[in-house]
Amino acid sequence: MEFKDILKDLRTEKGLTQTQLAKDINFSMSIINKWENGKKNPSVQALKILAKYFKVSTDYLLGLED
């Protein structure tokens, strides 16, 4: 699974919109949209923020572990 799919799955499992996630982690909705559409990859710092927010590892977000 790719990052874009993992992020979307985690977000929808929590019942969040892209706008809600963006607000919660202090990013723009457009960057969340770009990540989920595979148009842009997150920075290392963004990965850390997402991992902490969703309580998963960065390796999980990157599709390196189940």
N, C-alpha and C. Protein backbone atom coordinates (compact mmCIF):
# COMPACT_ATOMS: atom_id res chain seq x y z
N MET A 1 0.83 -1.18 0.00
CA MET A 1 0.00 0.00 0.00
C MET A 1 0.88 1.25 0.00
N GLU A 2 0.45 2.26 -0.68
CA GLU A 2 1.20 3.51 -0.76
C GLU A 2 0.76 4.48 0.34
N PHE A 3 1.64 5.45 0.61
CA PHE A 3 1.35 6.46 1.63
C PHE A 3 -0.01 7.11 1.42
N LYS A 4 -0.29 7.50 0.19
CA LYS A 4 -1.55 8.20 -0.10
C LYS A 4 -2.77 7.38 0.32
N ASP A 5 -2.72 6.08 0.10
CA ASP A 5 -3.83 5.21 0.45
C ASP A 5 -3.91 4.99 1.96
N ILE A 6 -2.76 4.85 2.59
CA ILE A 6 -2.71 4.65 4.04
C ILE A 6 -3.26 5.88 4.75
N LEU A 7 -2.84 7.06 4.31
CA LEU A 7 -3.32 8.28 4.94
C LEU A 7 -4.84 8.41 4.80
N LYS A 8 -5.34 8.17 3.61
CA LYS A 8 -6.79 8.28 3.39
C LYS A 8 -7.54 7.28 4.26
N ASP A 9 -7.03 6.05 4.36
CA ASP A 9 -7.67 5.02 5.18
C ASP A 9 -7.69 5.44 6.65
N LEU A 10 -6.57 5.92 7.15
CA LEU A 10 -6.50 6.35 8.55
C LEU A 10 -7.47 7.50 8.81
N ARG A 11 -7.51 8.44 7.90
CA ARG A 11 -8.39 9.60 8.06
C ARG A 11 -9.86 9.19 8.06
N THR A 12 -10.23 8.36 7.10
CA THR A 12 -11.64 7.97 7.00
C THR A 12 -12.05 7.04 8.16
N GLU A 13 -11.13 6.21 8.64
CA GLU A 13 -11.42 5.35 9.79
C GLU A 13 -11.76 6.19 11.02
N LYS A 14 -11.13 7.37 11.13
CA LYS A 14 -11.41 8.27 12.24
C LYS A 14 -12.63 9.15 11.98
N GLY A 15 -13.20 9.02 10.79
CA GLY A 15 -14.38 9.81 10.44
C GLY A 15 -14.08 11.28 10.20
N LEU A 16 -12.86 11.56 9.75
CA LEU A 16 -12.44 12.95 9.53
C LEU A 16 -12.51 13.34 8.06
N THR A 17 -12.83 14.60 7.83
CA THR A 17 -12.69 15.15 6.48
C THR A 17 -11.25 15.64 6.33
N GLN A 18 -10.87 15.92 5.11
CA GLN A 18 -9.54 16.48 4.89
C GLN A 18 -9.39 17.81 5.63
N THR A 19 -10.45 18.60 5.65
CA THR A 19 -10.42 19.89 6.34
C THR A 19 -10.23 19.72 7.84
N GLN A 20 -10.93 18.75 8.43
CA GLN A 20 -10.78 18.50 9.87
C GLN A 20 -9.38 18.04 10.21
N LEU A 21 -8.82 17.13 9.41
CA LEU A 21 -7.46 16.66 9.65
C LEU A 21 -6.47 17.81 9.53
N ALA A 22 -6.63 18.61 8.49
CA ALA A 22 -5.73 19.75 8.28
C ALA A 22 -5.74 20.68 9.49
N LYS A 23 -6.92 20.96 10.00
CA LYS A 23 -7.04 21.85 11.16
C LYS A 23 -6.38 21.22 12.39
N ASP A 24 -6.61 19.93 12.59
CA ASP A 24 -6.06 19.24 13.76
C ASP A 24 -4.54 19.22 13.79
N ILE A 25 -3.92 19.10 12.61
CA ILE A 25 -2.45 18.99 12.58
C ILE A 25 -1.76 20.27 12.08
N ASN A 26 -2.55 21.33 11.89
CA ASN A 26 -1.99 22.63 11.48
C ASN A 26 -1.34 22.63 10.10
N PHE A 27 -2.00 21.99 9.15
CA PHE A 27 -1.57 22.02 7.76
C PHE A 27 -2.75 22.51 6.93
N SER A 28 -2.49 22.89 5.70
CA SER A 28 -3.58 23.34 4.85
C SER A 28 -4.34 22.13 4.29
N MET A 29 -5.62 22.34 4.00
CA MET A 29 -6.41 21.27 3.41
C MET A 29 -5.85 20.89 2.05
N SER A 30 -5.30 21.87 1.32
CA SER A 30 -4.77 21.57 -0.01
C SER A 30 -3.57 20.61 0.06
N ILE A 31 -2.76 20.71 1.10
CA ILE A 31 -1.61 19.80 1.20
C ILE A 31 -2.10 18.39 1.55
N ILE A 32 -3.12 18.29 2.39
CA ILE A 32 -3.69 16.97 2.70
C ILE A 32 -4.22 16.35 1.41
N ASN A 33 -4.91 17.15 0.61
CA ASN A 33 -5.46 16.68 -0.66
C ASN A 33 -4.34 16.22 -1.60
N LYS A 34 -3.26 16.97 -1.67
CA LYS A 34 -2.12 16.59 -2.53
C LYS A 34 -1.49 15.30 -2.05
N TRP A 35 -1.36 15.13 -0.74
CA TRP A 35 -0.81 13.89 -0.21
C TRP A 35 -1.70 12.71 -0.58
N GLU A 36 -3.01 12.86 -0.39
CA GLU A 36 -3.94 11.76 -0.65
C GLU A 36 -4.09 11.45 -2.14
N ASN A 37 -3.79 12.41 -2.99
CA ASN A 37 -3.86 12.17 -4.43
C ASN A 37 -2.52 11.79 -5.02
N GLY A 38 -1.49 11.69 -4.18
CA GLY A 38 -0.17 11.28 -4.63
C GLY A 38 0.57 12.34 -5.42
N LYS A 39 0.11 13.58 -5.34
CA LYS A 39 0.77 14.67 -6.07
C LYS A 39 1.97 15.23 -5.32
N LYS A 40 2.03 14.96 -4.03
CA LYS A 40 3.12 15.46 -3.21
C LYS A 40 3.35 14.49 -2.07
N ASN A 41 4.59 14.39 -1.62
CA ASN A 41 4.92 13.55 -0.48
C ASN A 41 5.20 14.44 0.73
N PRO A 42 4.87 13.94 1.92
CA PRO A 42 5.10 14.74 3.12
C PRO A 42 6.58 14.82 3.48
N SER A 43 6.93 15.88 4.18
CA SER A 43 8.29 16.01 4.70
C SER A 43 8.46 15.04 5.86
N VAL A 44 9.68 14.88 6.31
CA VAL A 44 9.96 14.02 7.46
C VAL A 44 9.21 14.56 8.68
N GLN A 45 9.22 15.87 8.87
CA GLN A 45 8.52 16.48 9.99
C GLN A 45 7.02 16.20 9.92
N ALA A 46 6.45 16.32 8.73
CA ALA A 46 5.02 16.05 8.56
C ALA A 46 4.71 14.58 8.86
N LEU A 47 5.58 13.68 8.43
CA LEU A 47 5.39 12.26 8.73
C LEU A 47 5.36 12.02 10.23
N LYS A 48 6.25 12.67 10.96
CA LYS A 48 6.30 12.53 12.41
C LYS A 48 4.99 13.02 13.04
N ILE A 49 4.50 14.15 12.56
CA ILE A 49 3.25 14.72 13.08
C ILE A 49 2.09 13.78 12.81
N LEU A 50 2.02 13.26 11.59
CA LEU A 50 0.95 12.33 11.23
C LEU A 50 1.02 11.04 12.05
N ALA A 51 2.22 10.51 12.23
CA ALA A 51 2.40 9.28 13.00
C ALA A 51 1.92 9.48 14.44
N LYS A 52 2.29 10.59 15.03
CA LYS A 52 1.88 10.88 16.40
C LYS A 52 0.36 11.06 16.47
N TYR A 53 -0.20 11.77 15.53
CA TYR A 53 -1.63 12.05 15.51
C TYR A 53 -2.44 10.76 15.39
N PHE A 54 -2.04 9.88 14.48
CA PHE A 54 -2.78 8.64 14.26
C PHE A 54 -2.30 7.48 15.13
N LYS A 55 -1.27 7.73 15.95
CA LYS A 55 -0.71 6.71 16.85
C LYS A 55 -0.24 5.48 16.08
N VAL A 56 0.52 5.74 15.02
CA VAL A 56 1.14 4.68 14.22
C VAL A 56 2.61 5.07 14.01
N SER A 57 3.40 4.16 13.49
CA SER A 57 4.81 4.46 13.22
C SER A 57 4.94 5.12 11.85
N THR A 58 6.06 5.80 11.67
CA THR A 58 6.33 6.37 10.35
C THR A 58 6.52 5.25 9.33
N ASP A 59 7.07 4.14 9.76
CA ASP A 59 7.21 2.99 8.85
C ASP A 59 5.85 2.51 8.37
N TYR A 60 4.87 2.51 9.26
CA TYR A 60 3.51 2.12 8.86
C TYR A 60 2.98 3.09 7.81
N LEU A 61 3.14 4.40 8.06
CA LEU A 61 2.67 5.39 7.11
C LEU A 61 3.30 5.24 5.74
N LEU A 62 4.56 4.80 5.73
CA LEU A 62 5.28 4.64 4.48
C LEU A 62 5.04 3.27 3.83
N GLY A 63 4.25 2.44 4.49
CA GLY A 63 3.93 1.14 3.92
C GLY A 63 5.03 0.10 4.11
N LEU A 64 5.91 0.35 5.08
CA LEU A 64 7.03 -0.57 5.32
C LEU A 64 6.71 -1.65 6.32
N GLU A 65 5.62 -1.46 7.08
CA GLU A 65 5.20 -2.48 8.04
C GLU A 65 3.68 -2.49 8.12
N ASP A 66 3.14 -3.62 8.59
CA ASP A 66 1.69 -3.75 8.72
C ASP A 66 1.21 -3.22 10.05
